[in-house]
């Protein structure tokens, strides 16, 4: 649809490139699914065959980003309650630390919690 409706030659070319790569990716996914070997074993050495590495990593990273984000939130809350804690440093004022706190808690902590 994007190729048929464009009037710019450069946009037509790039839409075609995107279409080719998207179709190649879909083909590779289906080919990998069709050529898969037998199901993996249910147990390895008498233990369940769980792949816990990514889960443990995401759990560790969510704890790290949770502590980092909540610590920055505590610092800016204390700065609002006790303005003397700003120490007249421009990079530690509320306006600079609040986006750090918000991004760390919402995206880093929240995203890792969704993965874990």
C-alpha atoms as a PDB file:
ATOM      1  CA  UNK A   1       0.000   0.000   0.000  1.00  0.00           C
ATOM      2  CA  UNK A   2       2.800   2.430   0.835  1.00  0.00           C
ATOM      3  CA  UNK A   3       4.527   1.718  -2.472  1.00  0.00           C
ATOM      4  CA  UNK A   4       1.374   2.224  -4.512  1.00  0.00           C
ATOM      5  CA  UNK A   5       0.403   5.506  -2.843  1.00  0.00           C
ATOM      6  CA  UNK A   6       3.722   7.353  -2.815  1.00  0.00           C
ATOM      7  CA  UNK A   7       4.573  10.166  -5.176  1.00  0.00           C
ATOM      8  CA  UNK A   8       8.224  10.474  -4.158  1.00  0.00           C
ATOM      9  CA  UNK A   9      10.697   8.093  -5.814  1.00  0.00           C
ATOM     10  CA  UNK A  10      12.914   7.885  -2.727  1.00  0.00           C
ATOM     11  CA  UNK A  11       9.960   6.965  -0.517  1.00  0.00           C
ATOM     12  CA  UNK A  12       8.871   4.342  -3.051  1.00  0.00           C
ATOM     13  CA  UNK A  13      12.339   2.796  -3.020  1.00  0.00           C
ATOM     14  CA  UNK A  14      12.568   2.697   0.775  1.00  0.00           C
ATOM     15  CA  UNK A  15       9.065   1.272   1.099  1.00  0.00           C
ATOM     16  CA  UNK A  16      10.124  -1.477  -1.308  1.00  0.00           C
ATOM     17  CA  UNK A  17      13.281  -2.172   0.705  1.00  0.00           C
ATOM     18  CA  UNK A  18      11.206  -2.406   3.882  1.00  0.00           C
ATOM     19  CA  UNK A  19       8.750  -4.748   2.172  1.00  0.00           C
ATOM     20  CA  UNK A  20      11.537  -7.039   0.942  1.00  0.00           C
ATOM     21  CA  UNK A  21      13.136  -7.271   4.389  1.00  0.00           C
ATOM     22  CA  UNK A  22       9.780  -7.814   6.101  1.00  0.00           C
ATOM     23  CA  UNK A  23       8.904 -10.658   3.737  1.00  0.00           C
ATOM     24  CA  UNK A  24      12.382 -12.173   4.152  1.00  0.00           C
ATOM     25  CA  UNK A  25      11.984 -12.047   7.929  1.00  0.00           C
ATOM     26  CA  UNK A  26       8.562 -13.688   7.798  1.00  0.00           C
ATOM     27  CA  UNK A  27       9.951 -16.393   5.515  1.00  0.00           C
ATOM     28  CA  UNK A  28      12.908 -17.019   7.860  1.00  0.00           C
ATOM     29  CA  UNK A  29      10.607 -17.340  10.861  1.00  0.00           C
ATOM     30  CA  UNK A  30       8.308 -19.819   9.153  1.00  0.00           C
ATOM     31  CA  UNK A  31      11.231 -21.775   7.691  1.00  0.00           C
ATOM     32  CA  UNK A  32      12.811 -22.064  11.128  1.00  0.00           C
ATOM     33  CA  UNK A  33       9.508 -23.244  12.565  1.00  0.00           C
ATOM     34  CA  UNK A  34       9.024 -25.846   9.825  1.00  0.00           C
ATOM     35  CA  UNK A  35      12.605 -27.166  10.113  1.00  0.00           C
ATOM     36  CA  UNK A  36      12.703 -27.401  13.895  1.00  0.00           C
ATOM     37  CA  UNK A  37      14.013 -30.564  15.437  1.00  0.00           C
ATOM     38  CA  UNK A  38      12.216 -32.626  18.010  1.00  0.00           C
ATOM     39  CA  UNK A  39      10.994 -31.026  21.205  1.00  0.00           C
ATOM     40  CA  UNK A  40      13.684 -30.347  23.824  1.00  0.00           C
ATOM     41  CA  UNK A  41      13.979 -32.877  26.645  1.00  0.00           C
ATOM     42  CA  UNK A  42      11.739 -32.252  29.638  1.00  0.00           C
ATOM     43  CA  UNK A  43      14.507 -33.037  32.117  1.00  0.00           C
ATOM     44  CA  UNK A  44      18.288 -32.674  32.118  1.00  0.00           C
ATOM     45  CA  UNK A  45      20.160 -34.764  34.708  1.00  0.00           C
ATOM     46  CA  UNK A  46      16.930 -35.339  36.594  1.00  0.00           C
ATOM     47  CA  UNK A  47      16.136 -31.603  36.887  1.00  0.00           C
ATOM     48  CA  UNK A  48      13.484 -29.691  34.939  1.00  0.00           C
ATOM     49  CA  UNK A  49      14.839 -28.164  31.742  1.00  0.00           C
ATOM     50  CA  UNK A  50      14.129 -24.517  32.593  1.00  0.00           C
ATOM     51  CA  UNK A  51      16.008 -21.666  30.994  1.00  0.00           C
ATOM     52  CA  UNK A  52      16.193 -19.415  34.048  1.00  0.00           C
ATOM     53  CA  UNK A  53      19.136 -17.261  32.947  1.00  0.00           C
ATOM     54  CA  UNK A  54      17.080 -14.498  31.292  1.00  0.00           C
ATOM     55  CA  UNK A  55      14.570 -14.501  34.147  1.00  0.00           C
ATOM     56  CA  UNK A  56      17.302 -14.164  36.766  1.00  0.00           C
ATOM     57  CA  UNK A  57      18.978 -11.382  34.784  1.00  0.00           C
ATOM     58  CA  UNK A  58      15.710  -9.456  34.336  1.00  0.00           C
ATOM     59  CA  UNK A  59      14.917  -9.885  38.040  1.00  0.00           C
ATOM     60  CA  UNK A  60      18.351  -8.575  39.037  1.00  0.00           C
ATOM     61  CA  UNK A  61      18.085  -5.626  36.653  1.00  0.00           C
ATOM     62  CA  UNK A  62      14.590  -4.753  37.871  1.00  0.00           C
ATOM     63  CA  UNK A  63      15.892  -4.721  41.450  1.00  0.00           C
ATOM     64  CA  UNK A  64      18.812  -2.509  40.389  1.00  0.00           C
ATOM     65  CA  UNK A  65      16.662  -0.023  38.472  1.00  0.00           C
ATOM     66  CA  UNK A  66      14.016  -0.059  41.182  1.00  0.00           C
ATOM     67  CA  UNK A  67      16.571   0.860  43.833  1.00  0.00           C
ATOM     68  CA  UNK A  68      18.194   3.484  41.596  1.00  0.00           C
ATOM     69  CA  UNK A  69      14.900   5.083  40.570  1.00  0.00           C
ATOM     70  CA  UNK A  70      13.397   5.057  44.044  1.00  0.00           C
ATOM     71  CA  UNK A  71      16.625   6.441  45.544  1.00  0.00           C
ATOM     72  CA  UNK A  72      16.529   9.387  43.133  1.00  0.00           C
ATOM     73  CA  UNK A  73      12.846   9.827  44.020  1.00  0.00           C
ATOM     74  CA  UNK A  74      13.744   9.920  47.706  1.00  0.00           C
ATOM     75  CA  UNK A  75      16.462  12.501  47.057  1.00  0.00           C
ATOM     76  CA  UNK A  76      14.142  14.841  45.161  1.00  0.00           C
ATOM     77  CA  UNK A  77      11.387  14.397  47.748  1.00  0.00           C
ATOM     78  CA  UNK A  78      13.831  15.332  50.500  1.00  0.00           C
ATOM     79  CA  UNK A  79      15.002  18.319  48.440  1.00  0.00           C
ATOM     80  CA  UNK A  80      11.424  19.558  48.241  1.00  0.00           C
ATOM     81  CA  UNK A  81      10.976  19.137  51.990  1.00  0.00           C
ATOM     82  CA  UNK A  82      14.430  20.481  52.910  1.00  0.00           C
ATOM     83  CA  UNK A  83      15.678  22.958  50.259  1.00  0.00           C
ATOM     84  CA  UNK A  84      19.125  23.140  51.879  1.00  0.00           C
ATOM     85  CA  UNK A  85      19.844  19.679  50.419  1.00  0.00           C
ATOM     86  CA  UNK A  86      20.217  21.180  46.934  1.00  0.00           C
ATOM     87  CA  UNK A  87      23.791  22.286  47.817  1.00  0.00           C
ATOM     88  CA  UNK A  88      23.525  24.920  45.037  1.00  0.00           C
ATOM     89  CA  UNK A  89      24.601  22.351  42.454  1.00  0.00           C
ATOM     90  CA  UNK A  90      22.730  22.856  39.177  1.00  0.00           C
ATOM     91  CA  UNK A  91      22.812  19.181  38.179  1.00  0.00           C
ATOM     92  CA  UNK A  92      21.162  18.000  41.422  1.00  0.00           C
ATOM     93  CA  UNK A  93      18.117  20.264  41.429  1.00  0.00           C
ATOM     94  CA  UNK A  94      14.550  18.993  41.166  1.00  0.00           C
ATOM     95  CA  UNK A  95      14.159  19.912  37.494  1.00  0.00           C
ATOM     96  CA  UNK A  96      17.127  17.771  36.467  1.00  0.00           C
ATOM     97  CA  UNK A  97      16.535  14.795  38.753  1.00  0.00           C
ATOM     98  CA  UNK A  98      12.785  14.380  38.234  1.00  0.00           C
ATOM     99  CA  UNK A  99      13.083  13.180  34.589  1.00  0.00           C
ATOM    100  CA  UNK A 100      15.796  10.758  35.713  1.00  0.00           C
ATOM    101  CA  UNK A 101      13.535   9.402  38.456  1.00  0.00           C
ATOM    102  CA  UNK A 102      10.509   9.169  36.158  1.00  0.00           C
ATOM    103  CA  UNK A 103      12.396   7.441  33.346  1.00  0.00           C
ATOM    104  CA  UNK A 104      14.195   5.049  35.694  1.00  0.00           C
ATOM    105  CA  UNK A 105      11.012   3.982  37.462  1.00  0.00           C
ATOM    106  CA  UNK A 106       8.628   3.828  34.503  1.00  0.00           C
ATOM    107  CA  UNK A 107      10.806   2.544  31.694  1.00  0.00           C
ATOM    108  CA  UNK A 108      13.793   0.802  33.277  1.00  0.00           C
ATOM    109  CA  UNK A 109      12.142  -0.675  36.369  1.00  0.00           C
ATOM    110  CA  UNK A 110       8.700  -1.184  34.830  1.00  0.00           C
ATOM    111  CA  UNK A 111      10.059  -2.653  31.611  1.00  0.00           C
ATOM    112  CA  UNK A 112      12.279  -5.125  33.428  1.00  0.00           C
ATOM    113  CA  UNK A 113       9.450  -6.144  35.745  1.00  0.00           C
ATOM    114  CA  UNK A 114       7.341  -6.913  32.685  1.00  0.00           C
ATOM    115  CA  UNK A 115      10.166  -9.092  31.337  1.00  0.00           C
ATOM    116  CA  UNK A 116      10.839 -10.873  34.612  1.00  0.00           C
END
